[in-house]
Protein backbone atom coordinates (compact mmCIF):
# COMPACT_ATOMS: atom_id res chain seq x y z
CA MET A 1 -98.14 92.10 42.15
CA PHE A 2 -101.28 89.41 42.67
CA ILE A 3 -104.84 89.79 42.18
CA ARG A 4 -106.01 86.67 44.83
CA VAL A 5 -109.43 85.34 43.97
CA GLU A 6 -111.05 83.18 46.72
CA ALA A 7 -112.50 79.90 45.99
CA ARG A 8 -116.35 80.68 46.12
CA THR A 9 -115.45 83.28 43.63
CA VAL A 10 -113.79 80.80 41.61
CA ALA A 11 -116.41 78.24 41.51
CA ASP A 12 -118.79 81.37 40.17
CA LEU A 13 -116.37 81.93 37.11
CA GLU A 14 -117.58 81.55 33.50
CA ILE A 15 -115.06 80.17 31.52
CA ASP A 16 -115.68 81.33 28.11
CA CYS A 17 -114.00 78.81 25.09
CA GLU A 18 -114.50 78.59 21.91
CA THR A 19 -112.95 75.84 19.38
CA GLU A 20 -113.27 74.41 15.75
CA LEU A 21 -114.92 71.01 16.18
CA ALA A 22 -114.84 68.63 13.33
CA ALA A 23 -117.04 65.66 12.45
CA LYS A 24 -114.19 63.35 12.63
CA TYR A 25 -110.86 63.37 13.57
CA GLU A 26 -108.25 60.69 12.22
CA LEU A 27 -104.65 59.47 13.66
CA ILE A 28 -102.32 59.44 11.33
CA PRO A 29 -99.16 57.12 12.51
CA ALA A 30 -95.70 57.95 12.60
CA THR A 31 -93.18 56.77 10.10
CA ALA A 32 -90.36 54.37 10.77
CA ASP A 33 -88.02 56.76 10.03
CA GLU A 34 -89.51 59.32 12.14
CA VAL A 35 -89.55 56.38 14.86
CA SER A 36 -86.33 55.75 15.11
CA LYS A 37 -85.32 59.67 15.41
CA TRP A 38 -86.86 59.30 19.02
CA ARG A 39 -85.64 56.21 20.08
CA ASP A 40 -82.98 57.46 22.01
CA SER A 41 -85.66 59.75 23.62
CA LYS A 42 -85.71 57.68 26.64
CA SER A 43 -87.49 60.04 29.28
CA LEU A 44 -90.15 61.00 26.79
CA LEU A 45 -91.28 57.33 25.65
CA ARG A 46 -90.34 55.64 28.58
CA GLU A 47 -93.86 55.44 30.01
CA ILE A 48 -95.11 54.29 26.47
CA PRO A 49 -94.78 50.60 25.56
CA GLU A 50 -92.77 50.09 22.07
CA ASN A 51 -95.46 48.84 19.89
CA GLN A 52 -97.55 52.47 20.24
CA TRP A 53 -94.72 54.07 19.60
CA PRO A 54 -95.96 55.17 15.69
CA PHE A 55 -99.11 56.47 17.09
CA TYR A 56 -98.11 58.23 20.00
CA LEU A 57 -95.56 59.67 17.78
CA GLY A 58 -98.25 60.18 14.99
CA SER A 59 -100.64 63.20 14.61
CA ILE A 60 -104.19 63.66 14.90
CA VAL A 61 -105.58 65.78 12.77
CA ALA A 62 -109.39 67.20 11.65
CA ILE A 63 -110.83 64.99 8.86
CA GLY A 64 -113.51 67.52 6.55
CA LYS A 65 -114.59 71.36 7.38
CA THR A 66 -114.50 72.60 11.25
CA LYS A 67 -117.19 74.35 12.93
CA SER A 68 -116.74 76.93 15.36
CA GLN A 69 -118.48 75.68 19.22
CA ARG A 70 -118.33 77.16 22.57
CA LEU A 71 -117.17 74.58 25.08
CA SER A 72 -118.80 74.43 28.33
CA ALA A 73 -116.65 74.13 31.58
CA GLU A 74 -118.14 70.67 32.26
CA LYS A 75 -117.27 69.17 28.80
CA LEU A 76 -113.50 70.79 29.77
CA GLY A 77 -113.45 69.49 33.14
CA SER A 78 -114.37 65.65 31.78
CA ALA A 79 -111.61 65.87 29.31
CA VAL A 80 -109.37 67.17 32.26
CA ARG A 81 -110.46 63.96 34.31
CA THR A 82 -110.10 61.66 31.47
CA LEU A 83 -106.76 62.77 30.63
CA VAL A 84 -105.04 62.62 34.16
CA ALA A 85 -106.97 58.77 34.56
CA GLY A 86 -105.82 57.82 30.91
CA LEU A 87 -101.84 58.29 31.94
CA ALA A 88 -101.95 54.82 33.99
CA GLY A 89 -102.79 53.35 30.40
CA LYS A 90 -104.73 50.55 32.06
CA THR A 91 -107.87 50.53 29.79
CA GLU A 92 -106.77 52.39 26.75
CA PRO A 93 -103.37 52.90 24.73
CA PHE A 94 -102.69 56.82 25.24
CA HIS A 95 -103.23 57.66 21.83
CA VAL A 96 -106.72 56.48 22.07
CA ILE A 97 -107.76 58.90 24.83
CA ALA A 98 -106.23 62.02 23.18
CA LEU A 99 -108.18 60.81 20.12
CA LYS A 100 -111.47 60.38 21.76
CA VAL A 101 -110.47 64.05 23.79
CA VAL A 102 -109.77 65.81 20.97
CA HIS A 103 -113.09 64.37 19.28
CA ASP A 104 -114.88 65.86 22.37
CA ILE A 105 -113.01 69.41 22.44
CA GLY A 106 -110.83 70.00 19.59
CA LEU A 107 -107.53 70.00 18.34
CA GLY A 108 -104.99 72.06 20.66
CA VAL A 109 -104.17 74.32 18.25
CA PRO A 110 -106.74 74.91 15.56
CA ASP A 111 -106.14 74.13 11.95
CA SER A 112 -102.83 72.53 12.86
CA PRO A 113 -102.16 68.57 13.69
CA SER A 114 -102.07 67.67 17.67
CA PRO A 115 -99.48 64.36 17.95
CA PRO A 116 -100.55 62.25 21.22
CA GLN A 117 -97.25 63.02 22.77
CA ALA A 118 -98.58 66.41 22.77
CA TRP A 119 -101.37 65.83 24.74
CA HIS A 120 -99.13 63.04 26.60
CA TRP A 121 -96.94 66.07 28.05
CA LEU A 122 -100.48 68.09 28.89
CA ALA A 123 -101.57 65.31 30.69
CA ASN A 124 -98.39 65.10 32.77
CA SER A 125 -98.54 68.59 33.36
CA LEU A 126 -101.98 68.65 34.69
CA ARG A 127 -101.21 65.32 37.04
CA PHE A 128 -98.26 67.34 38.76
CA MET A 129 -100.74 70.48 39.35
CA PHE A 130 -103.17 68.38 41.22
CA GLU A 131 -99.97 66.55 43.26
CA GLY A 132 -99.30 69.99 44.04
CA ARG A 133 -95.47 70.07 42.24
CA THR A 134 -93.84 70.99 38.82
CA PHE A 135 -90.55 70.46 37.53
CA TRP A 136 -88.13 73.10 36.43
CA ALA A 137 -85.02 72.71 34.93
CA SER A 138 -84.94 68.95 35.68
CA LYS A 139 -85.64 70.07 39.31
CA GLU A 140 -88.57 69.32 41.26
CA TYR A 141 -90.67 72.01 43.50
CA LYS A 142 -93.35 71.37 45.72
CA TRP A 143 -96.51 73.47 46.21
CA PRO A 144 -96.32 76.05 47.94
CA HIS A 145 -92.84 76.99 46.34
CA PRO A 146 -93.50 80.20 44.42
CA ILE A 147 -91.98 78.10 41.04
CA ALA A 148 -95.18 75.49 41.88
CA GLN A 149 -97.97 78.46 41.80
CA GLN A 150 -97.77 79.24 38.33
CA VAL A 151 -99.54 76.65 36.35
CA GLY A 152 -100.49 79.03 33.00
CA GLN A 153 -101.32 82.38 31.58
CA LEU A 154 -104.10 84.18 30.23
CA GLY A 155 -104.80 86.47 27.59
CA ILE A 156 -105.94 89.79 28.64
CA TYR A 157 -109.06 91.43 26.29
CA LEU A 158 -111.31 94.43 26.26
CA VAL A 159 -114.23 92.92 24.26
CA PRO A 160 -117.40 94.75 23.30
CA ASP A 161 -120.66 94.06 25.54
CA LYS A 162 -124.20 94.32 24.48
CA GLU A 163 -124.04 98.14 24.35
CA ASN A 164 -120.56 97.50 22.16
CA LYS A 165 -118.74 98.85 25.64
CA PRO A 166 -115.32 97.63 26.88
CA VAL A 167 -115.48 94.68 29.17
CA LEU A 168 -112.48 93.16 30.46
CA ALA A 169 -112.43 89.45 29.60
CA LEU A 170 -109.86 86.95 30.45
CA ARG A 171 -109.26 84.36 28.20
CA PRO A 172 -107.18 80.93 27.40
CA GLU A 173 -105.05 81.54 23.64
CA ASN A 174 -105.76 77.78 23.02
CA ILE A 175 -107.11 74.54 24.21
CA PHE A 176 -104.35 73.61 26.24
CA ASP A 177 -104.41 76.53 28.27
CA ALA A 178 -108.20 76.10 28.57
CA LEU A 179 -107.66 72.72 30.39
CA THR A 180 -104.83 74.32 32.51
CA LEU A 181 -107.60 77.25 33.70
CA VAL A 182 -110.10 74.31 34.32
CA ALA A 183 -107.79 72.01 36.42
CA ALA A 184 -106.65 75.17 38.36
CA ARG A 185 -110.07 76.00 39.48
CA MET A 186 -111.19 72.46 40.34
CA ILE A 187 -107.24 72.43 42.68
CA ALA A 188 -108.88 75.62 43.93
CA THR A 189 -112.34 74.26 44.85
CA GLY A 190 -111.24 70.74 46.29
CA THR A 191 -110.67 68.58 43.55
CA THR A 192 -107.54 66.05 44.62
CA THR A 193 -106.19 62.93 43.01
CA PHE A 194 -107.36 59.48 44.22
CA ILE A 195 -105.89 56.01 43.50
CA CYS A 196 -108.95 53.67 42.77
CA GLU A 197 -109.04 50.34 45.33
CA ASN A 198 -109.73 47.99 42.48
CA CYS A 199 -107.92 48.75 39.50
CA LYS A 200 -104.96 51.21 41.17
CA THR A 201 -105.83 53.69 38.34
CA PRO A 202 -105.56 57.57 39.68
CA PHE A 203 -108.62 59.40 39.27
CA LEU A 204 -109.87 62.96 40.17
CA SER A 205 -112.48 63.85 42.80
CA GLY A 206 -113.61 66.33 45.19
CA GLY A 207 -114.11 69.94 44.89
CA SER A 208 -117.48 71.90 44.68
CA ARG A 209 -120.94 70.47 43.30
CA GLY A 210 -123.75 72.88 43.34
CA ARG A 211 -122.61 75.00 45.74
CA ASN A 212 -120.98 73.88 48.62
CA LYS A 213 -121.22 70.18 48.38
CA ARG A 214 -118.03 67.97 48.66
CA ARG A 215 -116.86 64.29 47.82
CA GLY A 216 -113.54 63.75 48.83
CA ASP A 217 -113.14 60.54 50.22
CA ALA A 218 -114.02 58.45 46.78
CA ARG A 219 -112.34 55.05 47.14
CA PHE A 220 -113.19 53.69 43.38
CA CYS A 221 -112.92 55.65 40.13
CA SER A 222 -115.81 53.96 39.03
CA ASP A 223 -118.85 52.05 39.80
CA ARG A 224 -118.03 49.24 37.93
CA CYS A 225 -115.06 49.26 40.08
CA ARG A 226 -117.16 49.65 43.07
CA TYR A 227 -118.75 46.62 42.30
CA GLU A 228 -115.75 44.50 41.67
CA PHE A 229 -114.03 45.04 44.61
CA HIS A 230 -117.18 44.34 46.90
CA ASN A 231 -118.42 41.40 45.14
CA HIS A 232 -114.31 40.07 45.03
CA ARG A 233 -114.28 40.57 48.39
CA LYS A 234 -117.62 39.06 49.44
CA ALA A 235 -116.03 35.96 47.31
CA ARG A 236 -113.11 35.80 49.19
CA SER A 237 -115.35 35.66 52.60
CA ASN A 238 -117.24 32.85 51.29
CA ILE A 239 -114.05 30.62 50.99
């Protein structure tokens, strides 16, 4: 049994996500012994340069006390874009990307160390969603195959309203589920993956802006890349 939600309804969906945020987070590298245990796991480490393995296999931990904070859909959407673009690793190592995202939205599971490799797994999962594919039992499935349709899960709650009456609420169980929900909403409202013509980095563009405005023809991931591309083309034409 399915309950279908139209794109215009998805665009107006309020995402209520509360997390624990610390003022500071620190990345503790993995030890040599810990790294050696993963050395033969080529499928896990094939996208990561060897000199980054201790950081990639390390743990991001909160420093000091945390404070409860609600995250806006805009901040979660920004994290989705950062993670997907960060997979290319052309601007910064992925563990640096993961640390920045954690600083903005908190750990994947509150009060628990968060390894960059878990964020890398999530980033790949989000990328596959935007590309309309998924992997199950070492086999690839492409949209609209039923296996590629299920992208995440939500908790079903009855919460009190202002008059203490029960109201239905669908909530993500953790930050990873919240980011998956936001990514699904972005896809349902038209966001897709593009490759920057200048730096060849993947980025996300398109989708609802305001009411029905969409930008699905983006060629560059940033203003800087657009300027560089056109300046290089102009320089070549003057030779």
